[in-house]
Amino acid sequence: MADEKGEEKDREKREEKSSEEKSWDEKWRRDPINTIGWAAVFIWAGLVLLADNLGYLDSLPLGNLVVPGTGETIDLGAWPLILIGAGVIVLLEVVARLLIPEYRRSVGGSIFFGIFLIALGLSNVISWTLIWPLFLIGLGLWIILRGVFRKR
């Protein structure tokens, strides 16, 4: 009797593990865009950090931006470039979701997150006193557009 219960528990654990593996594989097949997006973010971050470690960012025009009119230079650095690139990748994922009907889903949070990452990356170039109001205006416009174009 105890042996049967032990075997039953072992079988349930194997089935549970098997269903977890199936769910991951099934999730990948159903929605590869999310996985590809995160992989692209990690690859982008690795490439930027590698370029920074090898000194390539110092020689790029993006490494030291000159503010028009003042002549002041701003060192953009690796992390702001990573954040800006990640935001662009998230927004490209949104575009892919909107263009490919079988992967379409709600993208409001992704738009919000992508714009936030870009704004955070640009915080060395653009003052937060300008970024936050623009961010709040964009959020308000998104809420209005979402309400107007919501499917009923």
N, C-alpha and C. Protein backbone atom coordinates (compact mmCIF):
# COMPACT_ATOMS: atom_id res chain seq x y z
N MET A 1 0.82 -1.19 0.00
CA MET A 1 0.00 0.00 0.00
C MET A 1 0.87 1.27 0.00
N ALA A 2 1.88 1.27 0.90
CA ALA A 2 2.78 2.42 0.96
C ALA A 2 3.59 2.52 -0.33
N ASP A 3 3.94 1.35 -0.90
CA ASP A 3 4.69 1.33 -2.15
C ASP A 3 3.88 1.94 -3.30
N GLU A 4 2.58 1.66 -3.32
CA GLU A 4 1.71 2.18 -4.37
C GLU A 4 1.60 3.70 -4.26
N LYS A 5 1.49 4.23 -3.04
CA LYS A 5 1.40 5.68 -2.85
C LYS A 5 2.70 6.36 -3.28
N GLY A 6 3.82 5.73 -2.95
CA GLY A 6 5.12 6.27 -3.36
C GLY A 6 5.27 6.31 -4.86
N GLU A 7 4.85 5.22 -5.52
CA GLU A 7 4.92 5.17 -6.98
C GLU A 7 4.00 6.21 -7.60
N GLU A 8 2.82 6.39 -7.00
CA GLU A 8 1.85 7.36 -7.52
C GLU A 8 2.41 8.78 -7.40
N LYS A 9 3.05 9.08 -6.27
CA LYS A 9 3.65 10.40 -6.09
C LYS A 9 4.78 10.64 -7.08
N ASP A 10 5.61 9.60 -7.30
CA ASP A 10 6.69 9.73 -8.27
C ASP A 10 6.15 10.00 -9.67
N ARG A 11 5.08 9.28 -10.04
CA ARG A 11 4.46 9.46 -11.35
C ARG A 11 3.90 10.88 -11.48
N GLU A 12 3.26 11.38 -10.41
CA GLU A 12 2.71 12.73 -10.45
C GLU A 12 3.83 13.77 -10.62
N LYS A 13 4.96 13.56 -9.92
CA LYS A 13 6.09 14.49 -10.05
C LYS A 13 6.64 14.49 -11.47
N ARG A 14 6.76 13.29 -12.06
CA ARG A 14 7.26 13.21 -13.45
C ARG A 14 6.30 13.89 -14.40
N GLU A 15 5.00 13.68 -14.21
CA GLU A 15 4.00 14.32 -15.08
C GLU A 15 4.03 15.83 -14.92
N GLU A 16 4.20 16.29 -13.65
CA GLU A 16 4.25 17.73 -13.40
C GLU A 16 5.47 18.34 -14.07
N LYS A 17 6.63 17.68 -13.92
CA LYS A 17 7.86 18.17 -14.54
C LYS A 17 7.71 18.16 -16.06
N SER A 18 7.13 17.12 -16.59
CA SER A 18 6.93 17.01 -18.03
C SER A 18 6.01 18.12 -18.52
N SER A 19 4.95 18.44 -17.75
CA SER A 19 4.03 19.50 -18.18
C SER A 19 4.70 20.86 -18.10
N GLU A 20 5.63 21.06 -17.12
CA GLU A 20 6.36 22.32 -17.05
C GLU A 20 7.25 22.48 -18.27
N GLU A 21 7.94 21.41 -18.65
CA GLU A 21 8.79 21.47 -19.84
C GLU A 21 7.95 21.72 -21.08
N LYS A 22 6.80 21.06 -21.15
CA LYS A 22 5.93 21.27 -22.29
C LYS A 22 5.41 22.70 -22.32
N SER A 23 5.07 23.24 -21.14
CA SER A 23 4.52 24.59 -21.13
C SER A 23 5.56 25.61 -21.60
N TRP A 24 6.85 25.44 -21.23
CA TRP A 24 7.89 26.35 -21.69
C TRP A 24 8.05 26.24 -23.20
N ASP A 25 8.10 25.00 -23.68
CA ASP A 25 8.25 24.78 -25.12
C ASP A 25 7.02 25.31 -25.86
N GLU A 26 5.87 25.07 -25.28
CA GLU A 26 4.64 25.54 -25.91
C GLU A 26 4.58 27.07 -25.90
N LYS A 27 5.01 27.67 -24.78
CA LYS A 27 5.01 29.12 -24.69
C LYS A 27 5.95 29.71 -25.75
N TRP A 28 7.13 29.10 -25.94
CA TRP A 28 8.06 29.57 -26.96
C TRP A 28 7.43 29.49 -28.34
N ARG A 29 6.75 28.37 -28.62
CA ARG A 29 6.14 28.22 -29.94
C ARG A 29 5.00 29.20 -30.13
N ARG A 30 4.26 29.47 -29.07
CA ARG A 30 3.13 30.38 -29.18
C ARG A 30 3.56 31.84 -29.25
N ASP A 31 4.64 32.21 -28.54
CA ASP A 31 5.04 33.61 -28.48
C ASP A 31 6.56 33.76 -28.49
N PRO A 32 7.19 33.55 -29.65
CA PRO A 32 8.65 33.69 -29.70
C PRO A 32 9.11 35.15 -29.68
N ILE A 33 8.22 36.10 -29.93
CA ILE A 33 8.61 37.50 -30.02
C ILE A 33 9.16 37.99 -28.68
N ASN A 34 8.52 37.62 -27.59
CA ASN A 34 8.98 38.04 -26.26
C ASN A 34 10.38 37.49 -25.97
N THR A 35 10.59 36.22 -26.27
CA THR A 35 11.89 35.60 -26.02
C THR A 35 12.97 36.22 -26.90
N ILE A 36 12.65 36.46 -28.15
CA ILE A 36 13.61 37.08 -29.07
C ILE A 36 13.93 38.50 -28.60
N GLY A 37 12.92 39.21 -28.13
CA GLY A 37 13.14 40.58 -27.63
C GLY A 37 14.10 40.61 -26.46
N TRP A 38 13.89 39.73 -25.47
CA TRP A 38 14.80 39.71 -24.32
C TRP A 38 16.19 39.26 -24.73
N ALA A 39 16.28 38.30 -25.62
CA ALA A 39 17.60 37.87 -26.10
C ALA A 39 18.31 39.04 -26.79
N ALA A 40 17.58 39.81 -27.58
CA ALA A 40 18.17 40.96 -28.27
C ALA A 40 18.65 42.01 -27.27
N VAL A 41 17.91 42.21 -26.18
CA VAL A 41 18.33 43.17 -25.15
C VAL A 41 19.65 42.72 -24.52
N PHE A 42 19.75 41.43 -24.19
CA PHE A 42 20.98 40.93 -23.59
C PHE A 42 22.16 41.00 -24.57
N ILE A 43 21.91 40.68 -25.82
CA ILE A 43 22.98 40.77 -26.83
C ILE A 43 23.42 42.22 -27.00
N TRP A 44 22.47 43.14 -27.07
CA TRP A 44 22.79 44.57 -27.20
C TRP A 44 23.62 45.03 -26.00
N ALA A 45 23.19 44.67 -24.79
CA ALA A 45 23.93 45.07 -23.59
C ALA A 45 25.35 44.51 -23.62
N GLY A 46 25.49 43.26 -24.01
CA GLY A 46 26.82 42.66 -24.10
C GLY A 46 27.70 43.34 -25.12
N LEU A 47 27.14 43.66 -26.27
CA LEU A 47 27.91 44.33 -27.32
C LEU A 47 28.36 45.72 -26.88
N VAL A 48 27.47 46.46 -26.23
CA VAL A 48 27.82 47.81 -25.79
C VAL A 48 28.88 47.75 -24.69
N LEU A 49 28.73 46.83 -23.74
CA LEU A 49 29.73 46.71 -22.68
C LEU A 49 31.08 46.26 -23.23
N LEU A 50 31.06 45.34 -24.20
CA LEU A 50 32.30 44.91 -24.83
C LEU A 50 32.98 46.07 -25.56
N ALA A 51 32.19 46.83 -26.32
CA ALA A 51 32.74 47.99 -27.03
C ALA A 51 33.30 49.02 -26.05
N ASP A 52 32.62 49.21 -24.92
CA ASP A 52 33.10 50.15 -23.91
C ASP A 52 34.40 49.65 -23.29
N ASN A 53 34.46 48.36 -22.97
CA ASN A 53 35.67 47.79 -22.37
C ASN A 53 36.87 47.83 -23.33
N LEU A 54 36.60 47.71 -24.61
CA LEU A 54 37.68 47.76 -25.60
C LEU A 54 38.03 49.19 -26.03
N GLY A 55 37.29 50.18 -25.53
CA GLY A 55 37.58 51.57 -25.83
C GLY A 55 36.97 52.10 -27.10
N TYR A 56 36.09 51.32 -27.74
CA TYR A 56 35.48 51.77 -28.99
C TYR A 56 34.46 52.88 -28.80
N LEU A 57 33.82 52.94 -27.63
CA LEU A 57 32.81 53.99 -27.42
C LEU A 57 33.45 55.37 -27.30
N ASP A 58 34.71 55.41 -26.89
CA ASP A 58 35.39 56.70 -26.76
C ASP A 58 35.61 57.36 -28.12
N SER A 59 35.78 56.56 -29.16
CA SER A 59 36.05 57.12 -30.48
C SER A 59 34.80 57.35 -31.31
N LEU A 60 33.64 56.88 -30.82
CA LEU A 60 32.39 57.08 -31.56
C LEU A 60 31.83 58.47 -31.31
N PRO A 61 31.16 59.05 -32.32
CA PRO A 61 30.55 60.36 -32.11
C PRO A 61 29.46 60.31 -31.04
N LEU A 62 28.83 59.13 -30.84
CA LEU A 62 27.79 59.03 -29.82
C LEU A 62 28.38 59.02 -28.41
N GLY A 63 29.65 58.68 -28.28
CA GLY A 63 30.27 58.62 -26.97
C GLY A 63 30.34 59.98 -26.30
N ASN A 64 30.59 61.03 -27.07
CA ASN A 64 30.65 62.39 -26.54
C ASN A 64 29.78 63.29 -27.39
N LEU A 65 28.59 63.55 -26.92
CA LEU A 65 27.66 64.41 -27.65
C LEU A 65 27.97 65.87 -27.34
N VAL A 66 27.87 66.71 -28.36
CA VAL A 66 28.07 68.14 -28.17
C VAL A 66 26.70 68.80 -28.22
N VAL A 67 26.38 69.55 -27.16
CA VAL A 67 25.10 70.24 -27.09
C VAL A 67 25.16 71.44 -28.01
N PRO A 68 24.21 71.53 -28.98
CA PRO A 68 24.23 72.65 -29.93
C PRO A 68 24.08 73.99 -29.20
N GLY A 69 24.85 74.96 -29.65
CA GLY A 69 24.75 76.31 -29.10
C GLY A 69 25.66 76.55 -27.91
N THR A 70 25.91 75.52 -27.11
CA THR A 70 26.74 75.72 -25.92
C THR A 70 28.15 75.19 -26.11
N GLY A 71 28.31 74.21 -26.98
CA GLY A 71 29.61 73.59 -27.17
C GLY A 71 29.97 72.62 -26.06
N GLU A 72 29.07 72.45 -25.11
CA GLU A 72 29.30 71.54 -23.97
C GLU A 72 29.20 70.09 -24.45
N THR A 73 30.12 69.25 -23.99
CA THR A 73 30.07 67.84 -24.36
C THR A 73 29.45 67.03 -23.23
N ILE A 74 28.69 66.04 -23.64
CA ILE A 74 28.04 65.14 -22.69
C ILE A 74 28.52 63.74 -22.98
N ASP A 75 29.07 63.10 -21.97
CA ASP A 75 29.51 61.72 -22.13
C ASP A 75 28.29 60.82 -21.96
N LEU A 76 27.86 60.21 -23.06
CA LEU A 76 26.67 59.36 -23.01
C LEU A 76 26.96 58.08 -22.24
N GLY A 77 28.09 57.46 -22.46
CA GLY A 77 28.48 56.28 -21.70
C GLY A 77 27.77 55.01 -22.12
N ALA A 78 28.20 53.89 -21.53
CA ALA A 78 27.69 52.58 -21.92
C ALA A 78 26.27 52.35 -21.41
N TRP A 79 26.03 52.64 -20.14
CA TRP A 79 24.71 52.32 -19.59
C TRP A 79 23.57 53.12 -20.23
N PRO A 80 23.73 54.41 -20.46
CA PRO A 80 22.66 55.10 -21.20
C PRO A 80 22.42 54.51 -22.59
N LEU A 81 23.51 54.10 -23.28
CA LEU A 81 23.34 53.47 -24.59
C LEU A 81 22.60 52.14 -24.46
N ILE A 82 22.89 51.40 -23.41
CA ILE A 82 22.19 50.13 -23.18
C ILE A 82 20.71 50.39 -22.95
N LEU A 83 20.39 51.38 -22.13
CA LEU A 83 18.98 51.68 -21.83
C LEU A 83 18.24 52.17 -23.08
N ILE A 84 18.88 53.05 -23.84
CA ILE A 84 18.24 53.55 -25.06
C ILE A 84 18.01 52.40 -26.04
N GLY A 85 19.02 51.55 -26.23
CA GLY A 85 18.89 50.40 -27.13
C GLY A 85 17.82 49.44 -26.67
N ALA A 86 17.76 49.18 -25.36
CA ALA A 86 16.73 48.28 -24.83
C ALA A 86 15.34 48.86 -25.06
N GLY A 87 15.20 50.18 -24.88
CA GLY A 87 13.91 50.82 -25.15
C GLY A 87 13.51 50.70 -26.60
N VAL A 88 14.46 50.88 -27.49
CA VAL A 88 14.18 50.75 -28.93
C VAL A 88 13.79 49.30 -29.25
N ILE A 89 14.48 48.33 -28.66
CA ILE A 89 14.15 46.92 -28.91
C ILE A 89 12.75 46.60 -28.42
N VAL A 90 12.38 47.13 -27.25
CA VAL A 90 11.02 46.90 -26.72
C VAL A 90 9.99 47.52 -27.67
N LEU A 91 10.27 48.71 -28.18
CA LEU A 91 9.33 49.35 -29.12
C LEU A 91 9.27 48.59 -30.45
N LEU A 92 10.39 48.01 -30.88
CA LEU A 92 10.36 47.17 -32.09
C LEU A 92 9.52 45.92 -31.87
N GLU A 93 9.57 45.39 -30.65
CA GLU A 93 8.72 44.25 -30.31
C GLU A 93 7.24 44.64 -30.41
N VAL A 94 6.92 45.85 -29.97
CA VAL A 94 5.54 46.35 -30.09
C VAL A 94 5.13 46.42 -31.55
N VAL A 95 6.01 46.94 -32.39
CA VAL A 95 5.71 47.04 -33.82
C VAL A 95 5.48 45.65 -34.41
N ALA A 96 6.33 44.69 -34.03
CA ALA A 96 6.18 43.33 -34.53
C ALA A 96 4.84 42.74 -34.09
N ARG A 97 4.44 43.00 -32.86
CA ARG A 97 3.15 42.49 -32.36
C ARG A 97 1.97 43.10 -33.12
N LEU A 98 2.12 44.37 -33.48
CA LEU A 98 1.02 45.03 -34.19
C LEU A 98 0.96 44.59 -35.65
N LEU A 99 2.09 44.24 -36.24
CA LEU A 99 2.13 43.86 -37.65
C LEU A 99 1.83 42.38 -37.90
N ILE A 100 2.11 41.53 -36.91
CA ILE A 100 1.90 40.09 -37.08
C ILE A 100 0.65 39.68 -36.30
N PRO A 101 -0.46 39.42 -36.98
CA PRO A 101 -1.73 39.18 -36.29
C PRO A 101 -1.71 38.01 -35.29
N GLU A 102 -1.00 36.93 -35.58
CA GLU A 102 -1.03 35.78 -34.67
C GLU A 102 -0.31 36.05 -33.35
N TYR A 103 0.50 37.11 -33.27
CA TYR A 103 1.20 37.45 -32.02
C TYR A 103 0.65 38.73 -31.40
N ARG A 104 -0.47 39.20 -31.90
CA ARG A 104 -1.05 40.44 -31.40
C ARG A 104 -1.58 40.25 -29.99
N ARG A 105 -1.28 41.21 -29.15
CA ARG A 105 -1.81 41.26 -27.79
C ARG A 105 -1.69 42.69 -27.30
N SER A 106 -2.14 42.95 -26.10
CA SER A 106 -2.08 44.30 -25.55
C SER A 106 -0.63 44.76 -25.46
N VAL A 107 -0.34 45.95 -25.96
CA VAL A 107 1.03 46.43 -26.01
C VAL A 107 1.24 47.72 -25.22
N GLY A 108 0.22 48.17 -24.52
CA GLY A 108 0.32 49.43 -23.78
C GLY A 108 1.45 49.45 -22.77
N GLY A 109 1.57 48.40 -21.99
CA GLY A 109 2.64 48.33 -21.00
C GLY A 109 4.01 48.32 -21.63
N SER A 110 4.14 47.64 -22.76
CA SER A 110 5.43 47.59 -23.46
C SER A 110 5.80 48.95 -24.03
N ILE A 111 4.82 49.68 -24.55
CA ILE A 111 5.08 51.03 -25.05
C ILE A 111 5.56 51.91 -23.90
N PHE A 112 4.86 51.85 -22.79
CA PHE A 112 5.19 52.62 -21.59
C PHE A 112 6.62 52.28 -21.14
N PHE A 113 6.95 50.99 -21.06
CA PHE A 113 8.26 50.53 -20.60
C PHE A 113 9.37 50.95 -21.58
N GLY A 114 9.12 50.82 -22.88
CA GLY A 114 10.12 51.20 -23.88
C GLY A 114 10.43 52.68 -23.84
N ILE A 115 9.40 53.50 -23.74
CA ILE A 115 9.62 54.95 -23.68
C ILE A 115 10.33 55.34 -22.39
N PHE A 116 9.97 54.65 -21.29
CA PHE A 116 10.64 54.92 -20.02
C PHE A 116 12.13 54.60 -20.10
N LEU A 117 12.49 53.46 -20.72
CA LEU A 117 13.90 53.10 -20.86
C LEU A 117 14.66 54.13 -21.70
N ILE A 118 14.04 54.59 -22.79
CA ILE A 118 14.69 55.59 -23.63
C ILE A 118 14.86 56.90 -22.86
N ALA A 119 13.82 57.31 -22.13
CA ALA A 119 13.91 58.54 -21.34
C ALA A 119 14.99 58.43 -20.27
N LEU A 120 15.08 57.27 -19.63
CA LEU A 120 16.10 57.06 -18.61
C LEU A 120 17.50 57.11 -19.24
N GLY A 121 17.64 56.55 -20.42
CA GLY A 121 18.93 56.60 -21.11
C GLY A 121 19.32 58.00 -21.54
N LEU A 122 18.32 58.80 -21.87
CA LEU A 122 18.59 60.18 -22.32
C LEU A 122 18.68 61.18 -21.18
N SER A 123 18.58 60.71 -19.94
CA SER A 123 18.57 61.64 -18.80
C SER A 123 19.87 62.43 -18.66
N ASN A 124 20.99 61.94 -19.21
CA ASN A 124 22.23 62.72 -19.21
C ASN A 124 22.22 63.82 -20.26
N VAL A 125 21.40 63.64 -21.29
CA VAL A 125 21.35 64.60 -22.39
C VAL A 125 20.22 65.60 -22.20
N ILE A 126 19.07 65.10 -21.78
CA ILE A 126 17.88 65.93 -21.59
C ILE A 126 17.57 65.98 -20.10
N SER A 127 17.27 67.12 -19.60
CA SER A 127 17.00 67.30 -18.17
C SER A 127 15.73 66.57 -17.76
N TRP A 128 15.73 66.02 -16.54
CA TRP A 128 14.54 65.35 -16.02
C TRP A 128 13.37 66.33 -15.90
N THR A 129 13.65 67.61 -15.76
CA THR A 129 12.56 68.59 -15.69
C THR A 129 11.80 68.67 -17.01
N LEU A 130 12.42 68.20 -18.09
CA LEU A 130 11.75 68.13 -19.38
C LEU A 130 11.20 66.73 -19.65
N ILE A 131 11.95 65.70 -19.21
CA ILE A 131 11.54 64.32 -19.49
C ILE A 131 10.24 63.96 -18.78
N TRP A 132 10.14 64.23 -17.48
CA TRP A 132 8.95 63.81 -16.73
C TRP A 132 7.66 64.44 -17.24
N PRO A 133 7.62 65.77 -17.50
CA PRO A 133 6.37 66.32 -18.05
C PRO A 133 6.01 65.70 -19.40
N LEU A 134 7.01 65.50 -20.27
CA LEU A 134 6.72 64.87 -21.57
C LEU A 134 6.23 63.44 -21.38
N PHE A 135 6.83 62.73 -20.45
CA PHE A 135 6.42 61.36 -20.15
C PHE A 135 4.98 61.33 -19.66
N LEU A 136 4.61 62.25 -18.77
CA LEU A 136 3.24 62.30 -18.24
C LEU A 136 2.24 62.70 -19.33
N ILE A 137 2.63 63.62 -20.19
CA ILE A 137 1.76 64.01 -21.31
C ILE A 137 1.53 62.81 -22.22
N GLY A 138 2.61 62.08 -22.54
CA GLY A 138 2.47 60.88 -23.37
C GLY A 138 1.59 59.84 -22.72
N LEU A 139 1.73 59.64 -21.42
CA LEU A 139 0.90 58.69 -20.71
C LEU A 139 -0.57 59.10 -20.77
N GLY A 140 -0.84 60.37 -20.58
CA GLY A 140 -2.22 60.87 -20.68
C GLY A 140 -2.80 60.68 -22.06
N LEU A 141 -2.02 60.98 -23.09
CA LEU A 141 -2.49 60.77 -24.46
C LEU A 141 -2.75 59.29 -24.75
N TRP A 142 -1.89 58.43 -24.23
CA TRP A 142 -2.08 56.99 -24.42
C TRP A 142 -3.39 56.53 -23.77
N ILE A 143 -3.68 57.03 -22.57
CA ILE A 143 -4.92 56.64 -21.88
C ILE A 143 -6.13 57.12 -22.68
N ILE A 144 -6.08 58.34 -23.20
CA ILE A 144 -7.19 58.86 -24.00
C ILE A 144 -7.37 58.03 -25.26
N LEU A 145 -6.29 57.79 -26.00
CA LEU A 145 -6.39 57.00 -27.23
C LEU A 145 -6.87 55.58 -26.96
N ARG A 146 -6.42 55.02 -25.87
CA ARG A 146 -6.87 53.67 -25.51
C ARG A 146 -8.37 53.65 -25.24
N GLY A 147 -8.85 54.68 -24.58
CA GLY A 147 -10.28 54.76 -24.31
C GLY A 147 -11.11 54.98 -25.56
N VAL A 148 -10.60 55.80 -26.47
CA VAL A 148 -11.33 56.10 -27.70
C VAL A 148 -11.37 54.89 -28.64
N PHE A 149 -10.26 54.20 -28.78
CA PHE A 149 -10.17 53.11 -29.75
C PHE A 149 -10.39 51.73 -29.14
N ARG A 150 -10.86 51.66 -27.92
CA ARG A 150 -11.08 50.36 -27.29
C ARG A 150 -12.21 49.61 -28.02
N LYS A 151 -11.98 48.32 -28.21
CA LYS A 151 -13.01 47.49 -28.85
C LYS A 151 -14.14 47.27 -27.87
N ARG A 152 -15.35 47.37 -28.40
CA ARG A 152 -16.53 47.17 -27.53
C ARG A 152 -17.23 45.91 -27.88
